[in-house]
Amino acid sequence: MSSNGYASLEDLEGLCGLRQYEDVVIQHPASQQPLKFRIQSITEAEWAEISSGNFDTKRGGLSARGLQQSDARLVAASLVDGDGNLLLRGSDAVSKVSQLGASIVEPLVRACRELNNLRAAEDEEGNSPAGSGSDSSSAELAAAPTG
């Protein structure tokens, strides 16, 4: 940190590549046994790639299919094993997430959004439990894996 209390270029560069991790426990829909998943934070470049799928560059404007798959892209980019390696890779990653039940995907989406301090559309409308005035920061989350 610089002498005036503001972050320096060195501080900023030290944040590059830093991942945060969080464990998410979801009940198996059939057996009701707990399933423990690990998610990682995403980089700005990964978020830009996820978000760009929401737009139709040929026609201009939003892509209905892209918007439908946006949450699946976020989960696919976030799910990792205990060592931090992506669970889903390749062109079928989004398809695999899309085939999971909503009772699995939705809690993962919420956890991914919270870990990355991303606001869902309903949050922007003030319908989230925290309300639209929430000013939480992902910087408050632990930088080391939990669990």
N, C-alpha and C. Protein backbone atom coordinates (compact mmCIF):
# COMPACT_ATOMS: atom_id res chain seq x y z
N MET A 1 0.85 -1.17 0.00
CA MET A 1 0.00 0.00 0.00
C MET A 1 0.90 1.23 0.00
N SER A 2 0.48 2.23 -0.73
CA SER A 2 1.28 3.44 -0.80
C SER A 2 1.20 4.22 0.51
N SER A 3 2.05 5.20 0.62
CA SER A 3 2.11 5.98 1.86
C SER A 3 0.84 6.79 2.11
N ASN A 4 0.06 7.05 1.05
CA ASN A 4 -1.17 7.83 1.24
C ASN A 4 -2.38 6.95 1.56
N GLY A 5 -2.15 5.62 1.71
CA GLY A 5 -3.22 4.73 2.11
C GLY A 5 -3.99 4.09 0.96
N TYR A 6 -3.67 4.46 -0.27
CA TYR A 6 -4.35 3.89 -1.43
C TYR A 6 -3.56 2.70 -1.97
N ALA A 7 -4.27 1.81 -2.62
CA ALA A 7 -3.63 0.65 -3.22
C ALA A 7 -2.67 1.12 -4.31
N SER A 8 -1.56 0.43 -4.39
CA SER A 8 -0.54 0.75 -5.41
C SER A 8 -0.67 -0.22 -6.58
N LEU A 9 0.10 0.04 -7.63
CA LEU A 9 0.13 -0.85 -8.77
C LEU A 9 0.60 -2.23 -8.33
N GLU A 10 1.55 -2.28 -7.44
CA GLU A 10 2.04 -3.56 -6.91
C GLU A 10 0.92 -4.31 -6.19
N ASP A 11 0.11 -3.60 -5.41
CA ASP A 11 -1.03 -4.22 -4.74
C ASP A 11 -2.00 -4.80 -5.77
N LEU A 12 -2.29 -4.02 -6.80
CA LEU A 12 -3.22 -4.44 -7.84
C LEU A 12 -2.69 -5.67 -8.58
N GLU A 13 -1.41 -5.64 -8.94
CA GLU A 13 -0.82 -6.77 -9.65
C GLU A 13 -0.80 -8.02 -8.78
N GLY A 14 -0.70 -7.86 -7.48
CA GLY A 14 -0.72 -9.00 -6.57
C GLY A 14 -2.07 -9.70 -6.51
N LEU A 15 -3.13 -9.03 -6.97
CA LEU A 15 -4.46 -9.61 -6.98
C LEU A 15 -4.73 -10.43 -8.25
N CYS A 16 -3.90 -10.25 -9.27
CA CYS A 16 -4.10 -10.97 -10.53
C CYS A 16 -3.97 -12.46 -10.31
N GLY A 17 -4.94 -13.20 -10.78
CA GLY A 17 -4.93 -14.65 -10.66
C GLY A 17 -5.39 -15.17 -9.31
N LEU A 18 -5.67 -14.29 -8.37
CA LEU A 18 -6.14 -14.73 -7.05
C LEU A 18 -7.55 -15.30 -7.18
N ARG A 19 -7.73 -16.49 -6.70
CA ARG A 19 -9.05 -17.13 -6.73
C ARG A 19 -9.56 -17.27 -5.30
N GLN A 20 -10.84 -17.13 -5.16
CA GLN A 20 -11.52 -17.40 -3.90
C GLN A 20 -12.35 -18.65 -4.11
N TYR A 21 -12.53 -19.42 -3.03
CA TYR A 21 -13.27 -20.68 -3.11
C TYR A 21 -14.34 -20.72 -2.04
N GLU A 22 -15.39 -21.45 -2.35
CA GLU A 22 -16.46 -21.62 -1.38
C GLU A 22 -17.07 -23.00 -1.60
N ASP A 23 -17.38 -23.65 -0.50
CA ASP A 23 -18.08 -24.93 -0.58
C ASP A 23 -19.57 -24.68 -0.50
N VAL A 24 -20.32 -25.44 -1.30
CA VAL A 24 -21.77 -25.32 -1.35
C VAL A 24 -22.34 -26.72 -1.11
N VAL A 25 -23.16 -26.86 -0.09
CA VAL A 25 -23.77 -28.15 0.21
C VAL A 25 -25.24 -28.10 -0.21
N ILE A 26 -25.60 -29.09 -1.02
CA ILE A 26 -26.96 -29.20 -1.56
C ILE A 26 -27.46 -30.61 -1.29
N GLN A 27 -28.71 -30.74 -0.93
CA GLN A 27 -29.29 -32.06 -0.68
C GLN A 27 -29.54 -32.77 -2.01
N HIS A 28 -29.10 -34.02 -2.10
CA HIS A 28 -29.37 -34.83 -3.29
C HIS A 28 -30.89 -34.95 -3.41
N PRO A 29 -31.45 -34.68 -4.58
CA PRO A 29 -32.91 -34.67 -4.70
C PRO A 29 -33.58 -36.02 -4.42
N ALA A 30 -32.90 -37.12 -4.67
CA ALA A 30 -33.51 -38.43 -4.45
C ALA A 30 -33.18 -39.00 -3.08
N SER A 31 -31.90 -39.03 -2.73
CA SER A 31 -31.49 -39.68 -1.48
C SER A 31 -31.49 -38.74 -0.28
N GLN A 32 -31.58 -37.45 -0.52
CA GLN A 32 -31.52 -36.42 0.52
C GLN A 32 -30.18 -36.39 1.25
N GLN A 33 -29.18 -37.06 0.69
CA GLN A 33 -27.83 -37.02 1.25
C GLN A 33 -27.17 -35.70 0.81
N PRO A 34 -26.33 -35.12 1.64
CA PRO A 34 -25.67 -33.88 1.25
C PRO A 34 -24.63 -34.11 0.15
N LEU A 35 -24.65 -33.22 -0.84
CA LEU A 35 -23.65 -33.19 -1.90
C LEU A 35 -22.82 -31.93 -1.70
N LYS A 36 -21.53 -32.08 -1.57
CA LYS A 36 -20.65 -30.93 -1.34
C LYS A 36 -19.95 -30.56 -2.64
N PHE A 37 -20.22 -29.35 -3.12
CA PHE A 37 -19.60 -28.82 -4.33
C PHE A 37 -18.63 -27.72 -3.92
N ARG A 38 -17.64 -27.49 -4.74
CA ARG A 38 -16.72 -26.36 -4.54
C ARG A 38 -16.81 -25.47 -5.77
N ILE A 39 -16.93 -24.18 -5.52
CA ILE A 39 -16.93 -23.20 -6.60
C ILE A 39 -15.75 -22.27 -6.41
N GLN A 40 -15.30 -21.70 -7.52
CA GLN A 40 -14.22 -20.73 -7.49
C GLN A 40 -14.72 -19.40 -8.03
N SER A 41 -14.06 -18.34 -7.62
CA SER A 41 -14.36 -17.04 -8.19
C SER A 41 -13.87 -17.02 -9.64
N ILE A 42 -14.44 -16.15 -10.42
CA ILE A 42 -14.06 -16.03 -11.82
C ILE A 42 -13.34 -14.72 -12.03
N THR A 43 -12.54 -14.67 -13.08
CA THR A 43 -11.83 -13.44 -13.41
C THR A 43 -12.75 -12.53 -14.22
N GLU A 44 -12.34 -11.30 -14.38
CA GLU A 44 -13.10 -10.36 -15.20
C GLU A 44 -13.17 -10.86 -16.64
N ALA A 45 -12.08 -11.46 -17.14
CA ALA A 45 -12.08 -11.99 -18.51
C ALA A 45 -13.10 -13.12 -18.64
N GLU A 46 -13.17 -13.99 -17.65
CA GLU A 46 -14.15 -15.08 -17.68
C GLU A 46 -15.57 -14.52 -17.61
N TRP A 47 -15.78 -13.50 -16.79
CA TRP A 47 -17.11 -12.89 -16.68
C TRP A 47 -17.50 -12.24 -18.01
N ALA A 48 -16.55 -11.60 -18.68
CA ALA A 48 -16.83 -10.98 -19.97
C ALA A 48 -17.23 -12.04 -21.00
N GLU A 49 -16.55 -13.18 -20.97
CA GLU A 49 -16.90 -14.27 -21.89
C GLU A 49 -18.29 -14.83 -21.58
N ILE A 50 -18.58 -15.02 -20.32
CA ILE A 50 -19.91 -15.52 -19.92
C ILE A 50 -20.99 -14.53 -20.36
N SER A 51 -20.77 -13.27 -20.11
CA SER A 51 -21.76 -12.23 -20.43
C SER A 51 -21.92 -12.03 -21.94
N SER A 52 -20.84 -12.18 -22.69
CA SER A 52 -20.92 -11.94 -24.13
C SER A 52 -21.86 -12.93 -24.82
N GLY A 53 -22.06 -14.10 -24.21
CA GLY A 53 -22.99 -15.07 -24.78
C GLY A 53 -24.43 -14.61 -24.73
N ASN A 54 -24.71 -13.54 -24.01
CA ASN A 54 -26.07 -13.01 -23.91
C ASN A 54 -26.45 -12.14 -25.10
N PHE A 55 -25.50 -11.88 -25.98
CA PHE A 55 -25.74 -10.96 -27.09
C PHE A 55 -25.61 -11.68 -28.43
N ASP A 56 -26.44 -11.29 -29.37
CA ASP A 56 -26.40 -11.81 -30.73
C ASP A 56 -25.69 -10.78 -31.59
N THR A 57 -24.44 -11.03 -31.88
CA THR A 57 -23.65 -10.04 -32.62
C THR A 57 -24.07 -9.94 -34.09
N LYS A 58 -24.63 -11.01 -34.66
CA LYS A 58 -25.05 -10.97 -36.06
C LYS A 58 -26.30 -10.14 -36.25
N ARG A 59 -27.27 -10.33 -35.37
CA ARG A 59 -28.55 -9.63 -35.47
C ARG A 59 -28.58 -8.34 -34.65
N GLY A 60 -27.70 -8.28 -33.67
CA GLY A 60 -27.72 -7.15 -32.75
C GLY A 60 -28.74 -7.39 -31.66
N GLY A 61 -28.45 -6.92 -30.48
CA GLY A 61 -29.38 -7.08 -29.37
C GLY A 61 -29.12 -8.33 -28.57
N LEU A 62 -30.07 -8.64 -27.71
CA LEU A 62 -29.94 -9.79 -26.82
C LEU A 62 -30.26 -11.10 -27.54
N SER A 63 -29.66 -12.16 -27.05
CA SER A 63 -29.90 -13.50 -27.57
C SER A 63 -30.74 -14.27 -26.57
N ALA A 64 -31.92 -14.72 -26.97
CA ALA A 64 -32.79 -15.48 -26.07
C ALA A 64 -32.07 -16.74 -25.60
N ARG A 65 -31.45 -17.46 -26.49
CA ARG A 65 -30.73 -18.69 -26.13
C ARG A 65 -29.56 -18.35 -25.20
N GLY A 66 -28.86 -17.29 -25.49
CA GLY A 66 -27.73 -16.88 -24.65
C GLY A 66 -28.18 -16.55 -23.24
N LEU A 67 -29.27 -15.83 -23.12
CA LEU A 67 -29.80 -15.49 -21.80
C LEU A 67 -30.25 -16.75 -21.05
N GLN A 68 -30.84 -17.70 -21.76
CA GLN A 68 -31.29 -18.95 -21.14
C GLN A 68 -30.12 -19.75 -20.60
N GLN A 69 -28.96 -19.63 -21.22
CA GLN A 69 -27.80 -20.42 -20.82
C GLN A 69 -26.81 -19.65 -19.96
N SER A 70 -27.10 -18.42 -19.64
CA SER A 70 -26.17 -17.58 -18.89
C SER A 70 -25.79 -18.18 -17.54
N ASP A 71 -26.77 -18.62 -16.78
CA ASP A 71 -26.49 -19.21 -15.47
C ASP A 71 -25.69 -20.50 -15.60
N ALA A 72 -26.00 -21.30 -16.61
CA ALA A 72 -25.26 -22.55 -16.84
C ALA A 72 -23.80 -22.24 -17.18
N ARG A 73 -23.55 -21.18 -17.94
CA ARG A 73 -22.16 -20.79 -18.26
C ARG A 73 -21.42 -20.37 -17.00
N LEU A 74 -22.09 -19.65 -16.12
CA LEU A 74 -21.48 -19.22 -14.86
C LEU A 74 -21.12 -20.42 -14.00
N VAL A 75 -22.03 -21.35 -13.85
CA VAL A 75 -21.78 -22.54 -13.03
C VAL A 75 -20.66 -23.38 -13.65
N ALA A 76 -20.69 -23.58 -14.96
CA ALA A 76 -19.65 -24.37 -15.62
C ALA A 76 -18.27 -23.76 -15.43
N ALA A 77 -18.18 -22.44 -15.41
CA ALA A 77 -16.89 -21.77 -15.23
C ALA A 77 -16.44 -21.75 -13.77
N SER A 78 -17.34 -22.10 -12.86
CA SER A 78 -17.07 -21.98 -11.43
C SER A 78 -16.85 -23.30 -10.71
N LEU A 79 -17.47 -24.38 -11.17
CA LEU A 79 -17.38 -25.66 -10.47
C LEU A 79 -15.97 -26.25 -10.57
N VAL A 80 -15.37 -26.53 -9.43
CA VAL A 80 -14.03 -27.11 -9.39
C VAL A 80 -14.00 -28.29 -8.43
N ASP A 81 -12.94 -29.09 -8.55
CA ASP A 81 -12.76 -30.17 -7.60
C ASP A 81 -12.03 -29.63 -6.37
N GLY A 82 -11.69 -30.49 -5.44
CA GLY A 82 -11.03 -30.07 -4.21
C GLY A 82 -9.67 -29.43 -4.41
N ASP A 83 -9.05 -29.68 -5.57
CA ASP A 83 -7.75 -29.09 -5.88
C ASP A 83 -7.85 -27.81 -6.71
N GLY A 84 -9.08 -27.40 -7.03
CA GLY A 84 -9.27 -26.18 -7.80
C GLY A 84 -9.26 -26.38 -9.30
N ASN A 85 -9.35 -27.63 -9.77
CA ASN A 85 -9.40 -27.92 -11.20
C ASN A 85 -10.85 -27.90 -11.67
N LEU A 86 -11.11 -27.27 -12.81
CA LEU A 86 -12.46 -27.23 -13.34
C LEU A 86 -13.04 -28.63 -13.49
N LEU A 87 -14.28 -28.80 -13.06
CA LEU A 87 -14.96 -30.08 -13.22
C LEU A 87 -15.46 -30.27 -14.64
N LEU A 88 -15.94 -29.20 -15.24
CA LEU A 88 -16.53 -29.27 -16.58
C LEU A 88 -15.67 -28.47 -17.56
N ARG A 89 -15.28 -29.13 -18.63
CA ARG A 89 -14.47 -28.48 -19.66
C ARG A 89 -15.06 -28.80 -21.02
N GLY A 90 -14.71 -27.98 -21.97
CA GLY A 90 -15.08 -28.26 -23.34
C GLY A 90 -16.44 -27.72 -23.74
N SER A 91 -16.80 -28.05 -24.96
CA SER A 91 -18.01 -27.49 -25.55
C SER A 91 -19.29 -28.03 -24.92
N ASP A 92 -19.22 -29.16 -24.23
CA ASP A 92 -20.44 -29.72 -23.65
C ASP A 92 -20.64 -29.34 -22.18
N ALA A 93 -19.79 -28.49 -21.63
CA ALA A 93 -19.88 -28.12 -20.21
C ALA A 93 -21.23 -27.46 -19.89
N VAL A 94 -21.63 -26.51 -20.72
CA VAL A 94 -22.90 -25.80 -20.48
C VAL A 94 -24.07 -26.76 -20.64
N SER A 95 -23.99 -27.64 -21.60
CA SER A 95 -25.04 -28.63 -21.81
C SER A 95 -25.19 -29.54 -20.60
N LYS A 96 -24.08 -29.94 -20.01
CA LYS A 96 -24.14 -30.81 -18.83
C LYS A 96 -24.82 -30.10 -17.66
N VAL A 97 -24.49 -28.83 -17.44
CA VAL A 97 -25.13 -28.07 -16.36
C VAL A 97 -26.62 -27.92 -16.67
N SER A 98 -26.96 -27.68 -17.92
CA SER A 98 -28.36 -27.48 -18.31
C SER A 98 -29.20 -28.73 -18.09
N GLN A 99 -28.57 -29.89 -18.06
CA GLN A 99 -29.30 -31.14 -17.85
C GLN A 99 -29.53 -31.45 -16.37
N LEU A 100 -28.90 -30.71 -15.48
CA LEU A 100 -29.09 -30.92 -14.05
C LEU A 100 -30.42 -30.33 -13.61
N GLY A 101 -30.95 -30.84 -12.52
CA GLY A 101 -32.19 -30.32 -11.98
C GLY A 101 -32.01 -28.91 -11.41
N ALA A 102 -33.06 -28.16 -11.46
CA ALA A 102 -33.04 -26.79 -10.94
C ALA A 102 -32.71 -26.77 -9.45
N SER A 103 -33.08 -27.84 -8.73
CA SER A 103 -32.79 -27.88 -7.29
C SER A 103 -31.29 -27.99 -7.01
N ILE A 104 -30.51 -28.36 -8.01
CA ILE A 104 -29.05 -28.39 -7.90
C ILE A 104 -28.47 -27.09 -8.45
N VAL A 105 -28.93 -26.68 -9.62
CA VAL A 105 -28.32 -25.54 -10.32
C VAL A 105 -28.60 -24.21 -9.62
N GLU A 106 -29.82 -23.98 -9.19
CA GLU A 106 -30.15 -22.66 -8.63
C GLU A 106 -29.34 -22.32 -7.37
N PRO A 107 -29.16 -23.23 -6.42
CA PRO A 107 -28.29 -22.89 -5.28
C PRO A 107 -26.84 -22.62 -5.71
N LEU A 108 -26.37 -23.34 -6.73
CA LEU A 108 -25.02 -23.09 -7.24
C LEU A 108 -24.92 -21.72 -7.89
N VAL A 109 -25.94 -21.35 -8.65
CA VAL A 109 -25.96 -20.02 -9.29
C VAL A 109 -25.93 -18.93 -8.22
N ARG A 110 -26.76 -19.06 -7.19
CA ARG A 110 -26.80 -18.05 -6.13
C ARG A 110 -25.43 -17.94 -5.44
N ALA A 111 -24.81 -19.09 -5.17
CA ALA A 111 -23.49 -19.07 -4.51
C ALA A 111 -22.43 -18.46 -5.43
N CYS A 112 -22.48 -18.76 -6.72
CA CYS A 112 -21.52 -18.18 -7.66
C CYS A 112 -21.69 -16.66 -7.73
N ARG A 113 -22.93 -16.22 -7.79
CA ARG A 113 -23.18 -14.77 -7.85
C ARG A 113 -22.70 -14.08 -6.57
N GLU A 114 -22.96 -14.70 -5.44
CA GLU A 114 -22.55 -14.11 -4.17
C GLU A 114 -21.02 -14.06 -4.06
N LEU A 115 -20.36 -15.15 -4.41
CA LEU A 115 -18.90 -15.21 -4.32
C LEU A 115 -18.24 -14.15 -5.20
N ASN A 116 -18.84 -13.87 -6.34
CA ASN A 116 -18.27 -12.92 -7.29
C ASN A 116 -18.89 -11.54 -7.20
N ASN A 117 -19.77 -11.34 -6.23
CA ASN A 117 -20.44 -10.06 -6.03
C ASN A 117 -21.18 -9.61 -7.30
N LEU A 118 -21.86 -10.56 -7.92
CA LEU A 118 -22.65 -10.28 -9.12
C LEU A 118 -24.11 -10.18 -8.70
N ARG A 119 -24.77 -9.18 -9.20
CA ARG A 119 -26.17 -9.00 -8.85
C ARG A 119 -27.06 -9.57 -9.93
N ALA A 120 -28.02 -10.36 -9.53
CA ALA A 120 -29.01 -10.90 -10.47
C ALA A 120 -30.03 -9.82 -10.76
N ALA A 121 -30.79 -10.01 -11.83
CA ALA A 121 -31.80 -9.02 -12.23
C ALA A 121 -32.78 -8.75 -11.10
N GLU A 122 -33.19 -9.80 -10.37
CA GLU A 122 -34.15 -9.58 -9.29
C GLU A 122 -33.54 -8.77 -8.16
N ASP A 123 -32.21 -8.86 -7.96
CA ASP A 123 -31.55 -8.04 -6.95
C ASP A 123 -31.63 -6.57 -7.33
N GLU A 124 -31.44 -6.28 -8.61
CA GLU A 124 -31.47 -4.90 -9.07
C GLU A 124 -32.85 -4.28 -8.93
N GLU A 125 -33.87 -5.13 -8.94
CA GLU A 125 -35.24 -4.64 -8.78
C GLU A 125 -35.63 -4.53 -7.32
N GLY A 126 -34.74 -4.92 -6.41
CA GLY A 126 -35.03 -4.81 -4.99
C GLY A 126 -35.77 -6.00 -4.42
N ASN A 127 -35.78 -7.13 -5.13
CA ASN A 127 -36.52 -8.29 -4.65
C ASN A 127 -35.66 -9.30 -3.91
N SER A 128 -34.38 -9.02 -3.73
CA SER A 128 -33.52 -9.97 -3.03
C SER A 128 -33.74 -9.84 -1.53
N PRO A 129 -33.38 -10.88 -0.77
CA PRO A 129 -33.54 -10.80 0.69
C PRO A 129 -32.77 -9.63 1.29
N ALA A 130 -31.64 -9.28 0.70
CA ALA A 130 -30.84 -8.18 1.23
C ALA A 130 -31.35 -6.83 0.74
N GLY A 131 -32.20 -6.85 -0.29
CA GLY A 131 -32.70 -5.60 -0.85
C GLY A 131 -31.71 -5.00 -1.83
N SER A 132 -32.16 -4.03 -2.60
CA SER A 132 -31.30 -3.46 -3.63
C SER A 132 -30.25 -2.54 -3.05
N GLY A 133 -30.37 -2.16 -1.80
CA GLY A 133 -29.40 -1.27 -1.20
C GLY A 133 -28.19 -1.98 -0.63
N SER A 134 -28.11 -3.29 -0.81
CA SER A 134 -26.98 -4.05 -0.27
C SER A 134 -25.69 -3.61 -0.91
N ASP A 135 -24.67 -3.41 -0.09
CA ASP A 135 -23.38 -2.96 -0.59
C ASP A 135 -22.29 -3.92 -0.12
N SER A 136 -22.56 -5.21 -0.22
CA SER A 136 -21.57 -6.18 0.21
C SER A 136 -20.49 -6.30 -0.84
N SER A 137 -19.33 -6.74 -0.41
CA SER A 137 -18.20 -6.84 -1.31
C SER A 137 -17.61 -8.24 -1.24
N SER A 138 -17.23 -8.78 -2.41
CA SER A 138 -16.60 -10.09 -2.42
C SER A 138 -15.22 -10.04 -1.78
N ALA A 139 -14.69 -8.86 -1.59
CA ALA A 139 -13.38 -8.74 -0.95
C ALA A 139 -13.43 -9.19 0.50
N GLU A 140 -14.63 -9.24 1.08
CA GLU A 140 -14.77 -9.68 2.46
C GLU A 140 -14.69 -11.19 2.59
N LEU A 141 -14.76 -11.92 1.48
CA LEU A 141 -14.73 -13.37 1.51
C LEU A 141 -13.29 -13.85 1.63
N ALA A 142 -13.11 -15.03 2.21
CA ALA A 142 -11.79 -15.58 2.41
C ALA A 142 -11.13 -15.89 1.08
N ALA A 143 -9.84 -15.67 0.97
CA ALA A 143 -9.11 -15.93 -0.24
C ALA A 143 -8.62 -17.37 -0.31
N ALA A 144 -8.74 -18.12 0.76
CA ALA A 144 -8.28 -19.51 0.78
C ALA A 144 -9.48 -20.44 0.76
N PRO A 145 -9.28 -21.66 0.25
CA PRO A 145 -10.39 -22.62 0.23
C PRO A 145 -10.93 -22.87 1.61
N THR A 146 -12.26 -23.07 1.69
CA THR A 146 -12.90 -23.39 2.95
C THR A 146 -13.12 -24.88 3.03
N GLY A 147 -13.47 -25.33 4.20
CA GLY A 147 -13.92 -26.69 4.32
C GLY A 147 -12.88 -27.61 4.75
